Amino acid sequence: MIGRRTDCQKPPYCEINEQIKPFFSHWKNPWFHLPTENDYRLFFETHGFVTIFINIDREQTDYSTEEDFNIYLSGAAAFNNSVMEEIKKQAKDGRIMVDFNRLYYIGKKEN
């Protein structure tokens, strides 16, 4: 149960079970996130790119709890019952808002 969504900002399993916390105490998130477009621009330009275009497109989609759980199932699928319970706890009237931030960047590498 390392990952759930490609770039979801706050997975609902974060608070599932304190008993499993020690097993993941050394785990590092494999996703690379910076908070702003300017941070991404500076990152790429520091590495020799010239920014031509940059945009972070925030995508929110209203899913049913079952649809949200199916997104989770498409990745790592351990502790499924605990995850579904956590999703249900966070839902309102059987619905949960899912946030995505997608980075679109076009750059040109300068020698």
PDB file of N, CA and C in Angstrom:
ATOM      1  N   MET A   1       0.837  -1.186   0.000  1.00  0.00           N
ATOM      2  CA  MET A   1       0.000   0.000   0.000  1.00  0.00           C
ATOM      3  C   MET A   1       0.873   1.237   0.000  1.00  0.00           C
ATOM      4  N   ILE A   2       1.791   1.318  -0.898  1.00  0.00           N
ATOM      5  CA  ILE A   2       2.669   2.471  -0.970  1.00  0.00           C
ATOM      6  C   ILE A   2       1.993   3.600  -1.732  1.00  0.00           C
ATOM      7  N   GLY A   3       1.433   3.285  -2.892  1.00  0.00           N
ATOM      8  CA  GLY A   3       0.860   4.337  -3.710  1.00  0.00           C
ATOM      9  C   GLY A   3      -0.607   4.126  -3.974  1.00  0.00           C
ATOM     10  N   ARG A   4      -1.300   5.189  -4.285  1.00  0.00           N
ATOM     11  CA  ARG A   4      -2.715   5.097  -4.527  1.00  0.00           C
ATOM     12  C   ARG A   4      -3.094   5.770  -5.820  1.00  0.00           C
ATOM     13  N   ARG A   5      -2.689   6.980  -5.994  1.00  0.00           N
ATOM     14  CA  ARG A   5      -3.000   7.720  -7.201  1.00  0.00           C
ATOM     15  C   ARG A   5      -1.697   8.281  -7.735  1.00  0.00           C
ATOM     16  N   THR A   6      -1.676   8.562  -8.992  1.00  0.00           N
ATOM     17  CA  THR A   6      -0.426   9.016  -9.580  1.00  0.00           C
ATOM     18  C   THR A   6       0.099  10.266  -8.904  1.00  0.00           C
ATOM     19  N   ASP A   7      -0.771  11.212  -8.664  1.00  0.00           N
ATOM     20  CA  ASP A   7      -0.261  12.445  -8.071  1.00  0.00           C
ATOM     21  C   ASP A   7      -1.253  13.067  -7.108  1.00  0.00           C
ATOM     22  N   CYS A   8      -1.981  12.262  -6.429  1.00  0.00           N
ATOM     23  CA  CYS A   8      -2.932  12.759  -5.456  1.00  0.00           C
ATOM     24  C   CYS A   8      -2.176  13.403  -4.298  1.00  0.00           C
ATOM     25  N   GLN A   9      -2.696  14.496  -3.790  1.00  0.00           N
ATOM     26  CA  GLN A   9      -1.974  15.253  -2.782  1.00  0.00           C
ATOM     27  C   GLN A   9      -2.119  14.707  -1.363  1.00  0.00           C
ATOM     28  N   LYS A  10      -3.247  14.099  -1.026  1.00  0.00           N
ATOM     29  CA  LYS A  10      -3.426  13.578   0.329  1.00  0.00           C
ATOM     30  C   LYS A  10      -4.213  12.275   0.288  1.00  0.00           C
ATOM     31  N   PRO A  11      -3.534  11.165   0.119  1.00  0.00           N
ATOM     32  CA  PRO A  11      -4.238   9.881   0.066  1.00  0.00           C
ATOM     33  C   PRO A  11      -4.982   9.597   1.366  1.00  0.00           C
ATOM     34  N   PRO A  12      -6.190   9.034   1.294  1.00  0.00           N
ATOM     35  CA  PRO A  12      -6.964   8.803   2.510  1.00  0.00           C
ATOM     36  C   PRO A  12      -6.416   7.718   3.417  1.00  0.00           C
ATOM     37  N   TYR A  13      -5.489   6.886   2.944  1.00  0.00           N
ATOM     38  CA  TYR A  13      -4.979   5.843   3.828  1.00  0.00           C
ATOM     39  C   TYR A  13      -3.923   6.356   4.784  1.00  0.00           C
ATOM     40  N   CYS A  14      -3.599   7.652   4.716  1.00  0.00           N
ATOM     41  CA  CYS A  14      -2.537   8.203   5.569  1.00  0.00           C
ATOM     42  C   CYS A  14      -2.823   7.995   7.056  1.00  0.00           C
ATOM     43  N   GLU A  15      -4.087   7.945   7.419  1.00  0.00           N
ATOM     44  CA  GLU A  15      -4.438   7.843   8.835  1.00  0.00           C
ATOM     45  C   GLU A  15      -5.081   6.502   9.165  1.00  0.00           C
ATOM     46  N   ILE A  16      -4.861   5.494   8.355  1.00  0.00           N
ATOM     47  CA  ILE A  16      -5.584   4.231   8.519  1.00  0.00           C
ATOM     48  C   ILE A  16      -5.279   3.526   9.833  1.00  0.00           C
ATOM     49  N   ASN A  17      -4.043   3.211  10.067  1.00  0.00           N
ATOM     50  CA  ASN A  17      -3.751   2.291  11.151  1.00  0.00           C
ATOM     51  C   ASN A  17      -2.355   2.560  11.692  1.00  0.00           C
ATOM     52  N   GLU A  18      -2.297   2.959  12.937  1.00  0.00           N
ATOM     53  CA  GLU A  18      -1.002   3.234  13.571  1.00  0.00           C
ATOM     54  C   GLU A  18      -0.151   1.967  13.689  1.00  0.00           C
ATOM     55  N   GLN A  19      -0.777   0.795  13.683  1.00  0.00           N
ATOM     56  CA  GLN A  19      -0.024  -0.451  13.826  1.00  0.00           C
ATOM     57  C   GLN A  19       0.880  -0.716  12.624  1.00  0.00           C
ATOM     58  N   ILE A  20       0.507  -0.236  11.447  1.00  0.00           N
ATOM     59  CA  ILE A  20       1.338  -0.490  10.268  1.00  0.00           C
ATOM     60  C   ILE A  20       2.358   0.618  10.029  1.00  0.00           C
ATOM     61  N   LYS A  21       2.239   1.709  10.780  1.00  0.00           N
ATOM     62  CA  LYS A  21       3.139   2.847  10.589  1.00  0.00           C
ATOM     63  C   LYS A  21       4.618   2.466  10.662  1.00  0.00           C
ATOM     64  N   PRO A  22       5.056   1.636  11.630  1.00  0.00           N
ATOM     65  CA  PRO A  22       6.485   1.284  11.703  1.00  0.00           C
ATOM     66  C   PRO A  22       7.013   0.587  10.450  1.00  0.00           C
ATOM     67  N   PHE A  23       6.151  -0.140   9.754  1.00  0.00           N
ATOM     68  CA  PHE A  23       6.591  -0.849   8.554  1.00  0.00           C
ATOM     69  C   PHE A  23       6.942   0.113   7.419  1.00  0.00           C
ATOM     70  N   PHE A  24       6.384   1.307   7.469  1.00  0.00           N
ATOM     71  CA  PHE A  24       6.604   2.287   6.411  1.00  0.00           C
ATOM     72  C   PHE A  24       7.408   3.491   6.896  1.00  0.00           C
ATOM     73  N   SER A  25       8.034   3.389   8.069  1.00  0.00           N
ATOM     74  CA  SER A  25       8.718   4.542   8.654  1.00  0.00           C
ATOM     75  C   SER A  25       9.881   5.048   7.812  1.00  0.00           C
ATOM     76  N   HIS A  26      10.484   4.191   7.002  1.00  0.00           N
ATOM     77  CA  HIS A  26      11.612   4.620   6.170  1.00  0.00           C
ATOM     78  C   HIS A  26      11.221   4.835   4.716  1.00  0.00           C
ATOM     79  N   TRP A  27       9.944   4.687   4.423  1.00  0.00           N
ATOM     80  CA  TRP A  27       9.462   4.824   3.052  1.00  0.00           C
ATOM     81  C   TRP A  27       9.529   6.282   2.610  1.00  0.00           C
ATOM     82  N   LYS A  28       9.983   6.496   1.385  1.00  0.00           N
ATOM     83  CA  LYS A  28      10.040   7.833   0.788  1.00  0.00           C
ATOM     84  C   LYS A  28       9.083   7.870  -0.392  1.00  0.00           C
ATOM     85  N   ASN A  29       8.293   8.919  -0.464  1.00  0.00           N
ATOM     86  CA  ASN A  29       7.344   9.086  -1.559  1.00  0.00           C
ATOM     87  C   ASN A  29       8.098   9.135  -2.887  1.00  0.00           C
ATOM     88  N   PRO A  30       7.746   8.279  -3.858  1.00  0.00           N
ATOM     89  CA  PRO A  30       8.465   8.278  -5.136  1.00  0.00           C
ATOM     90  C   PRO A  30       8.069   9.423  -6.057  1.00  0.00           C
ATOM     91  N   TRP A  31       7.007  10.130  -5.742  1.00  0.00           N
ATOM     92  CA  TRP A  31       6.540  11.206  -6.611  1.00  0.00           C
ATOM     93  C   TRP A  31       7.280  12.489  -6.281  1.00  0.00           C
ATOM     94  N   PHE A  32       7.605  13.242  -7.307  1.00  0.00           N
ATOM     95  CA  PHE A  32       8.311  14.514  -7.170  1.00  0.00           C
ATOM     96  C   PHE A  32       7.286  15.634  -7.290  1.00  0.00           C
ATOM     97  N   HIS A  33       7.094  16.395  -6.215  1.00  0.00           N
ATOM     98  CA  HIS A  33       6.129  17.490  -6.225  1.00  0.00           C
ATOM     99  C   HIS A  33       6.799  18.772  -5.754  1.00  0.00           C
ATOM    100  N   LEU A  34       6.534  19.849  -6.446  1.00  0.00           N
ATOM    101  CA  LEU A  34       6.899  21.179  -5.989  1.00  0.00           C
ATOM    102  C   LEU A  34       5.602  21.969  -5.863  1.00  0.00           C
ATOM    103  N   PRO A  35       5.543  22.948  -4.966  1.00  0.00           N
ATOM    104  CA  PRO A  35       4.260  23.598  -4.688  1.00  0.00           C
ATOM    105  C   PRO A  35       3.743  24.565  -5.759  1.00  0.00           C
ATOM    106  N   THR A  36       4.630  25.199  -6.532  1.00  0.00           N
ATOM    107  CA  THR A  36       4.152  26.225  -7.467  1.00  0.00           C
ATOM    108  C   THR A  36       4.785  26.069  -8.844  1.00  0.00           C
ATOM    109  N   GLU A  37       4.152  26.720  -9.826  1.00  0.00           N
ATOM    110  CA  GLU A  37       4.726  26.745 -11.177  1.00  0.00           C
ATOM    111  C   GLU A  37       6.113  27.372 -11.153  1.00  0.00           C
ATOM    112  N   ASN A  38       6.262  28.440 -10.380  1.00  0.00           N
ATOM    113  CA  ASN A  38       7.560  29.109 -10.317  1.00  0.00           C
ATOM    114  C   ASN A  38       8.639  28.172  -9.775  1.00  0.00           C
ATOM    115  N   ASP A  39       8.281  27.342  -8.793  1.00  0.00           N
ATOM    116  CA  ASP A  39       9.249  26.372  -8.263  1.00  0.00           C
ATOM    117  C   ASP A  39       9.684  25.389  -9.345  1.00  0.00           C
ATOM    118  N   TYR A  40       8.725  24.924 -10.173  1.00  0.00           N
ATOM    119  CA  TYR A  40       9.077  24.024 -11.279  1.00  0.00           C
ATOM    120  C   TYR A  40       9.930  24.756 -12.319  1.00  0.00           C
ATOM    121  N   ARG A  41       9.544  25.999 -12.632  1.00  0.00           N
ATOM    122  CA  ARG A  41      10.311  26.779 -13.608  1.00  0.00           C
ATOM    123  C   ARG A  41      11.759  26.921 -13.135  1.00  0.00           C
ATOM    124  N   LEU A  42      11.942  27.305 -11.872  1.00  0.00           N
ATOM    125  CA  LEU A  42      13.294  27.458 -11.326  1.00  0.00           C
ATOM    126  C   LEU A  42      14.049  26.133 -11.330  1.00  0.00           C
ATOM    127  N   PHE A  43      13.361  25.048 -11.012  1.00  0.00           N
ATOM    128  CA  PHE A  43      13.995  23.731 -11.018  1.00  0.00           C
ATOM    129  C   PHE A  43      14.543  23.406 -12.402  1.00  0.00           C
ATOM    130  N   PHE A  44      13.693  23.546 -13.433  1.00  0.00           N
ATOM    131  CA  PHE A  44      14.133  23.214 -14.788  1.00  0.00           C
ATOM    132  C   PHE A  44      15.210  24.178 -15.278  1.00  0.00           C
ATOM    133  N   GLU A  45      15.048  25.466 -15.002  1.00  0.00           N
ATOM    134  CA  GLU A  45      16.028  26.445 -15.474  1.00  0.00           C
ATOM    135  C   GLU A  45      17.369  26.273 -14.774  1.00  0.00           C
ATOM    136  N   THR A  46      17.350  25.866 -13.504  1.00  0.00           N
ATOM    137  CA  THR A  46      18.591  25.574 -12.784  1.00  0.00           C
ATOM    138  C   THR A  46      19.334  24.407 -13.425  1.00  0.00           C
ATOM    139  N   HIS A  47      18.585  23.534 -14.104  1.00  0.00           N
ATOM    140  CA  HIS A  47      19.180  22.378 -14.770  1.00  0.00           C
ATOM    141  C   HIS A  47      19.379  22.609 -16.265  1.00  0.00           C
ATOM    142  N   GLY A  48      19.420  23.889 -16.686  1.00  0.00           N
ATOM    143  CA  GLY A  48      19.804  24.213 -18.050  1.00  0.00           C
ATOM    144  C   GLY A  48      18.688  24.351 -19.065  1.00  0.00           C
ATOM    145  N   PHE A  49      17.433  24.329 -18.635  1.00  0.00           N
ATOM    146  CA  PHE A  49      16.330  24.491 -19.576  1.00  0.00           C
ATOM    147  C   PHE A  49      15.908  25.954 -19.647  1.00  0.00           C
ATOM    148  N   VAL A  50      15.376  26.350 -20.791  1.00  0.00           N
ATOM    149  CA  VAL A  50      14.737  27.650 -20.950  1.00  0.00           C
ATOM    150  C   VAL A  50      13.239  27.379 -21.017  1.00  0.00           C
ATOM    151  N   THR A  51      12.483  28.023 -20.156  1.00  0.00           N
ATOM    152  CA  THR A  51      11.047  27.773 -20.112  1.00  0.00           C
ATOM    153  C   THR A  51      10.360  28.439 -21.291  1.00  0.00           C
ATOM    154  N   ILE A  52       9.619  27.641 -22.039  1.00  0.00           N
ATOM    155  CA  ILE A  52       8.799  28.140 -23.134  1.00  0.00           C
ATOM    156  C   ILE A  52       7.347  28.230 -22.675  1.00  0.00           C
ATOM    157  N   PHE A  53       6.914  27.257 -21.906  1.00  0.00           N
ATOM    158  CA  PHE A  53       5.548  27.231 -21.392  1.00  0.00           C
ATOM    159  C   PHE A  53       5.536  26.421 -20.110  1.00  0.00           C
ATOM    160  N   ILE A  54       4.759  26.873 -19.139  1.00  0.00           N
ATOM    161  CA  ILE A  54       4.562  26.087 -17.921  1.00  0.00           C
ATOM    162  C   ILE A  54       3.167  26.361 -17.389  1.00  0.00           C
ATOM    163  N   ASN A  55       2.512  25.311 -16.931  1.00  0.00           N
ATOM    164  CA  ASN A  55       1.182  25.440 -16.355  1.00  0.00           C
ATOM    165  C   ASN A  55       0.927  24.233 -15.460  1.00  0.00           C
ATOM    166  N   ILE A  56       0.439  24.479 -14.267  1.00  0.00           N
ATOM    167  CA  ILE A  56      -0.047  23.397 -13.424  1.00  0.00           C
ATOM    168  C   ILE A  56      -1.563  23.465 -13.493  1.00  0.00           C
ATOM    169  N   ASP A  57      -2.160  22.417 -14.003  1.00  0.00           N
ATOM    170  CA  ASP A  57      -3.599  22.350 -14.181  1.00  0.00           C
ATOM    171  C   ASP A  57      -4.189  21.548 -13.038  1.00  0.00           C
ATOM    172  N   ARG A  58      -4.922  22.216 -12.161  1.00  0.00           N
ATOM    173  CA  ARG A  58      -5.552  21.514 -11.041  1.00  0.00           C
ATOM    174  C   ARG A  58      -6.821  20.851 -11.554  1.00  0.00           C
ATOM    175  N   GLU A  59      -6.895  19.567 -11.336  1.00  0.00           N
ATOM    176  CA  GLU A  59      -8.033  18.790 -11.808  1.00  0.00           C
ATOM    177  C   GLU A  59      -8.738  18.174 -10.614  1.00  0.00           C
ATOM    178  N   GLN A  60      -9.979  18.536 -10.401  1.00  0.00           N
ATOM    179  CA  GLN A  60     -10.783  17.936  -9.344  1.00  0.00           C
ATOM    180  C   GLN A  60     -11.904  17.152  -9.999  1.00  0.00           C
ATOM    181  N   THR A  61     -12.123  15.959  -9.515  1.00  0.00           N
ATOM    182  CA  THR A  61     -13.185  15.122 -10.046  1.00  0.00           C
ATOM    183  C   THR A  61     -13.973  14.542  -8.888  1.00  0.00           C
ATOM    184  N   ASP A  62     -15.280  14.653  -8.963  1.00  0.00           N
ATOM    185  CA  ASP A  62     -16.159  14.113  -7.939  1.00  0.00           C
ATOM    186  C   ASP A  62     -16.427  12.646  -8.257  1.00  0.00           C
ATOM    187  N   TYR A  63     -15.952  11.755  -7.394  1.00  0.00           N
ATOM    188  CA  TYR A  63     -16.122  10.323  -7.580  1.00  0.00           C
ATOM    189  C   TYR A  63     -17.010   9.751  -6.480  1.00  0.00           C
ATOM    190  N   SER A  64     -17.697   8.675  -6.782  1.00  0.00           N
ATOM    191  CA  SER A  64     -18.363   7.918  -5.723  1.00  0.00           C
ATOM    192  C   SER A  64     -17.273   7.234  -4.902  1.00  0.00           C
ATOM    193  N   THR A  65     -17.615   6.799  -3.703  1.00  0.00           N
ATOM    194  CA  THR A  65     -16.618   6.111  -2.881  1.00  0.00           C
ATOM    195  C   THR A  65     -16.133   4.846  -3.579  1.00  0.00           C
ATOM    196  N   GLU A  66     -17.017   4.171  -4.314  1.00  0.00           N
ATOM    197  CA  GLU A  66     -16.619   2.963  -5.039  1.00  0.00           C
ATOM    198  C   GLU A  66     -15.655   3.294  -6.176  1.00  0.00           C
ATOM    199  N   GLU A  67     -15.930   4.380  -6.917  1.00  0.00           N
ATOM    200  CA  GLU A  67     -15.023   4.783  -8.002  1.00  0.00           C
ATOM    201  C   GLU A  67     -13.654   5.167  -7.447  1.00  0.00           C
ATOM    202  N   ASP A  68     -13.662   5.905  -6.338  1.00  0.00           N
ATOM    203  CA  ASP A  68     -12.398   6.305  -5.719  1.00  0.00           C
ATOM    204  C   ASP A  68     -11.619   5.076  -5.261  1.00  0.00           C
ATOM    205  N   PHE A  69     -12.305   4.121  -4.695  1.00  0.00           N
ATOM    206  CA  PHE A  69     -11.652   2.890  -4.258  1.00  0.00           C
ATOM    207  C   PHE A  69     -11.091   2.124  -5.450  1.00  0.00           C
ATOM    208  N   ASN A  70     -11.787   2.126  -6.573  1.00  0.00           N
ATOM    209  CA  ASN A  70     -11.285   1.459  -7.780  1.00  0.00           C
ATOM    210  C   ASN A  70     -10.012   2.124  -8.298  1.00  0.00           C
ATOM    211  N   ILE A  71      -9.891   3.441  -8.140  1.00  0.00           N
ATOM    212  CA  ILE A  71      -8.640   4.124  -8.490  1.00  0.00           C
ATOM    213  C   ILE A  71      -7.517   3.576  -7.616  1.00  0.00           C
ATOM    214  N   TYR A  72      -7.805   3.440  -6.340  1.00  0.00           N
ATOM    215  CA  TYR A  72      -6.822   2.865  -5.425  1.00  0.00           C
ATOM    216  C   TYR A  72      -6.440   1.446  -5.848  1.00  0.00           C
ATOM    217  N   LEU A  73      -7.445   0.642  -6.205  1.00  0.00           N
ATOM    218  CA  LEU A  73      -7.178  -0.750  -6.574  1.00  0.00           C
ATOM    219  C   LEU A  73      -6.293  -0.873  -7.803  1.00  0.00           C
ATOM    220  N   SER A  74      -6.295   0.134  -8.660  1.00  0.00           N
ATOM    221  CA  SER A  74      -5.464   0.056  -9.858  1.00  0.00           C
ATOM    222  C   SER A  74      -3.977   0.150  -9.520  1.00  0.00           C
ATOM    223  N   GLY A  75      -3.649   0.583  -8.333  1.00  0.00           N
ATOM    224  CA  GLY A  75      -2.258   0.616  -7.870  1.00  0.00           C
ATOM    225  C   GLY A  75      -2.034  -0.506  -6.868  1.00  0.00           C
ATOM    226  N   ALA A  76      -1.228  -0.219  -5.869  1.00  0.00           N
ATOM    227  CA  ALA A  76      -0.978  -1.213  -4.823  1.00  0.00           C
ATOM    228  C   ALA A  76      -2.267  -1.439  -4.041  1.00  0.00           C
ATOM    229  N   ALA A  77      -2.583  -2.702  -3.724  1.00  0.00           N
ATOM    230  CA  ALA A  77      -3.905  -3.007  -3.185  1.00  0.00           C
ATOM    231  C   ALA A  77      -3.892  -3.739  -1.845  1.00  0.00           C
ATOM    232  N   ALA A  78      -2.923  -3.453  -0.992  1.00  0.00           N
ATOM    233  CA  ALA A  78      -2.919  -4.076   0.334  1.00  0.00           C
ATOM    234  C   ALA A  78      -3.841  -3.300   1.273  1.00  0.00           C
ATOM    235  N   PHE A  79      -4.301  -3.920   2.285  1.00  0.00           N
ATOM    236  CA  PHE A  79      -5.119  -3.307   3.331  1.00  0.00           C
ATOM    237  C   PHE A  79      -6.401  -2.681   2.769  1.00  0.00           C
ATOM    238  N   ASN A  80      -7.007  -3.357   1.800  1.00  0.00           N
ATOM    239  CA  ASN A  80      -8.159  -2.796   1.089  1.00  0.00           C
ATOM    240  C   ASN A  80      -9.330  -2.438   1.997  1.00  0.00           C
ATOM    241  N   ASN A  81      -9.657  -3.269   2.933  1.00  0.00           N
ATOM    242  CA  ASN A  81     -10.801  -2.975   3.797  1.00  0.00           C
ATOM    243  C   ASN A  81     -10.562  -1.725   4.627  1.00  0.00           C
ATOM    244  N   SER A  82      -9.344  -1.569   5.145  1.00  0.00           N
ATOM    245  CA  SER A  82      -9.022  -0.376   5.928  1.00  0.00           C
ATOM    246  C   SER A  82      -9.082   0.876   5.073  1.00  0.00           C
ATOM    247  N   VAL A  83      -8.608   0.777   3.853  1.00  0.00           N
ATOM    248  CA  VAL A  83      -8.633   1.929   2.949  1.00  0.00           C
ATOM    249  C   VAL A  83     -10.069   2.326   2.641  1.00  0.00           C
ATOM    250  N   MET A  84     -10.912   1.353   2.328  1.00  0.00           N
ATOM    251  CA  MET A  84     -12.302   1.660   2.013  1.00  0.00           C
ATOM    252  C   MET A  84     -12.996   2.313   3.202  1.00  0.00           C
ATOM    253  N   GLU A  85     -12.716   1.838   4.408  1.00  0.00           N
ATOM    254  CA  GLU A  85     -13.307   2.450   5.600  1.00  0.00           C
ATOM    255  C   GLU A  85     -12.853   3.900   5.754  1.00  0.00           C
ATOM    256  N   GLU A  86     -11.569   4.157   5.493  1.00  0.00           N
ATOM    257  CA  GLU A  86     -11.056   5.526   5.591  1.00  0.00           C
ATOM    258  C   GLU A  86     -11.689   6.420   4.531  1.00  0.00           C
ATOM    259  N   ILE A  87     -11.844   5.912   3.320  1.00  0.00           N
ATOM    260  CA  ILE A  87     -12.501   6.675   2.257  1.00  0.00           C
ATOM    261  C   ILE A  87     -13.930   7.010   2.674  1.00  0.00           C
ATOM    262  N   LYS A  88     -14.633   6.034   3.215  1.00  0.00           N
ATOM    263  CA  LYS A  88     -16.013   6.266   3.649  1.00  0.00           C
ATOM    264  C   LYS A  88     -16.080   7.305   4.759  1.00  0.00           C
ATOM    265  N   LYS A  89     -15.088   7.279   5.684  1.00  0.00           N
ATOM    266  CA  LYS A  89     -15.071   8.265   6.765  1.00  0.00           C
ATOM    267  C   LYS A  89     -14.897   9.678   6.219  1.00  0.00           C
ATOM    268  N   GLN A  90     -14.138   9.824   5.144  1.00  0.00           N
ATOM    269  CA  GLN A  90     -13.874  11.146   4.585  1.00  0.00           C
ATOM    270  C   GLN A  90     -14.968  11.609   3.626  1.00  0.00           C
ATOM    271  N   ALA A  91     -15.828  10.694   3.222  1.00  0.00           N
ATOM    272  CA  ALA A  91     -16.866  11.021   2.247  1.00  0.00           C
ATOM    273  C   ALA A  91     -18.016  11.771   2.912  1.00  0.00           C
ATOM    274  N   LYS A  92     -18.729  12.504   2.082  1.00  0.00           N
ATOM    275  CA  LYS A  92     -19.934  13.188   2.529  1.00  0.00           C
ATOM    276  C   LYS A  92     -21.064  12.730   1.624  1.00  0.00           C
ATOM    277  N   ASP A  93     -22.075  12.138   2.211  1.00  0.00           N
ATOM    278  CA  ASP A  93     -23.211  11.608   1.447  1.00  0.00           C
ATOM    279  C   ASP A  93     -22.757  10.621   0.376  1.00  0.00           C
ATOM    280  N   GLY A  94     -21.741   9.811   0.696  1.00  0.00           N
ATOM    281  CA  GLY A  94     -21.267   8.793  -0.233  1.00  0.00           C
ATOM    282  C   GLY A  94     -20.413   9.321  -1.368  1.00  0.00           C
ATOM    283  N   ARG A  95     -19.994  10.585  -1.305  1.00  0.00           N
ATOM    284  CA  ARG A  95     -19.182  11.205  -2.360  1.00  0.00           C
ATOM    285  C   ARG A  95     -17.891  11.727  -1.739  1.00  0.00           C
ATOM    286  N   ILE A  96     -16.829  11.768  -2.548  1.00  0.00           N
ATOM    287  CA  ILE A  96     -15.542  12.282  -2.073  1.00  0.00           C
ATOM    288  C   ILE A  96     -14.898  13.096  -3.193  1.00  0.00           C
ATOM    289  N   MET A  97     -14.366  14.264  -2.828  1.00  0.00           N
ATOM    290  CA  MET A  97     -13.694  15.118  -3.803  1.00  0.00           C
ATOM    291  C   MET A  97     -12.243  14.659  -3.923  1.00  0.00           C
ATOM    292  N   VAL A  98     -11.806  14.407  -5.146  1.00  0.00           N
ATOM    293  CA  VAL A  98     -10.444  13.953  -5.415  1.00  0.00           C
ATOM    294  C   VAL A  98      -9.726  15.060  -6.174  1.00  0.00           C
ATOM    295  N   ASP A  99      -8.567  15.484  -5.673  1.00  0.00           N
ATOM    296  CA  ASP A  99      -7.782  16.561  -6.285  1.00  0.00           C
ATOM    297  C   ASP A  99      -6.591  16.000  -7.035  1.00  0.00           C
ATOM    298  N   PHE A 100      -6.319  16.550  -8.201  1.00  0.00           N
ATOM    299  CA  PHE A 100      -5.117  16.241  -8.960  1.00  0.00           C
ATOM    300  C   PHE A 100      -4.495  17.554  -9.413  1.00  0.00           C
ATOM    301  N   ASN A 101      -3.196  17.656  -9.352  1.00  0.00           N
ATOM    302  CA  ASN A 101      -2.458  18.761  -9.957  1.00  0.00           C
ATOM    303  C   ASN A 101      -1.601  18.164 -11.054  1.00  0.00           C
ATOM    304  N   ARG A 102      -1.777  18.636 -12.273  1.00  0.00           N
ATOM    305  CA  ARG A 102      -1.021  18.102 -13.402  1.00  0.00           C
ATOM    306  C   ARG A 102      -0.109  19.206 -13.935  1.00  0.00           C
ATOM    307  N   LEU A 103       1.161  18.892 -14.057  1.00  0.00           N
ATOM    308  CA  LEU A 103       2.134  19.847 -14.572  1.00  0.00           C
ATOM    309  C   LEU A 103       2.297  19.649 -16.067  1.00  0.00           C
ATOM    310  N   TYR A 104       2.172  20.743 -16.820  1.00  0.00           N
ATOM    311  CA  TYR A 104       2.456  20.738 -18.250  1.00  0.00           C
ATOM    312  C   TYR A 104       3.636  21.679 -18.456  1.00  0.00           C
ATOM    313  N   TYR A 105       4.724  21.171 -18.983  1.00  0.00           N
ATOM    314  CA  TYR A 105       5.943  21.968 -19.139  1.00  0.00           C
ATOM    315  C   TYR A 105       6.558  21.687 -20.493  1.00  0.00           C
ATOM    316  N   ILE A 106       6.899  22.764 -21.194  1.00  0.00           N
ATOM    317  CA  ILE A 106       7.663  22.655 -22.434  1.00  0.00           C
ATOM    318  C   ILE A 106       8.926  23.465 -22.218  1.00  0.00           C
ATOM    319  N   GLY A 107      10.065  22.862 -22.432  1.00  0.00           N
ATOM    320  CA  GLY A 107      11.332  23.549 -22.251  1.00  0.00           C
ATOM    321  C   GLY A 107      12.303  23.158 -23.339  1.00  0.00           C
ATOM    322  N   LYS A 108      13.332  23.958 -23.469  1.00  0.00           N
ATOM    323  CA  LYS A 108      14.377  23.669 -24.448  1.00  0.00           C
ATOM    324  C   LYS A 108      15.698  23.639 -23.704  1.00  0.00           C
ATOM    325  N   LYS A 109      16.425  22.549 -23.820  1.00  0.00           N
ATOM    326  CA  LYS A 109      17.709  22.385 -23.143  1.00  0.00           C
ATOM    327  C   LYS A 109      18.762  23.201 -23.876  1.00  0.00           C
ATOM    328  N   GLU A 110      19.443  24.069 -23.124  1.00  0.00           N
ATOM    329  CA  GLU A 110      20.540  24.844 -23.699  1.00  0.00           C
ATOM    330  C   GLU A 110      21.857  24.219 -23.282  1.00  0.00           C
ATOM    331  N   ASN A 111      22.791  24.164 -24.209  1.00  0.00           N
ATOM    332  CA  ASN A 111      24.105  23.565 -23.921  1.00  0.00           C
ATOM    333  C   ASN A 111      25.010  24.521 -23.199  1.00  0.00           C
TER     334      ASN A 111
END
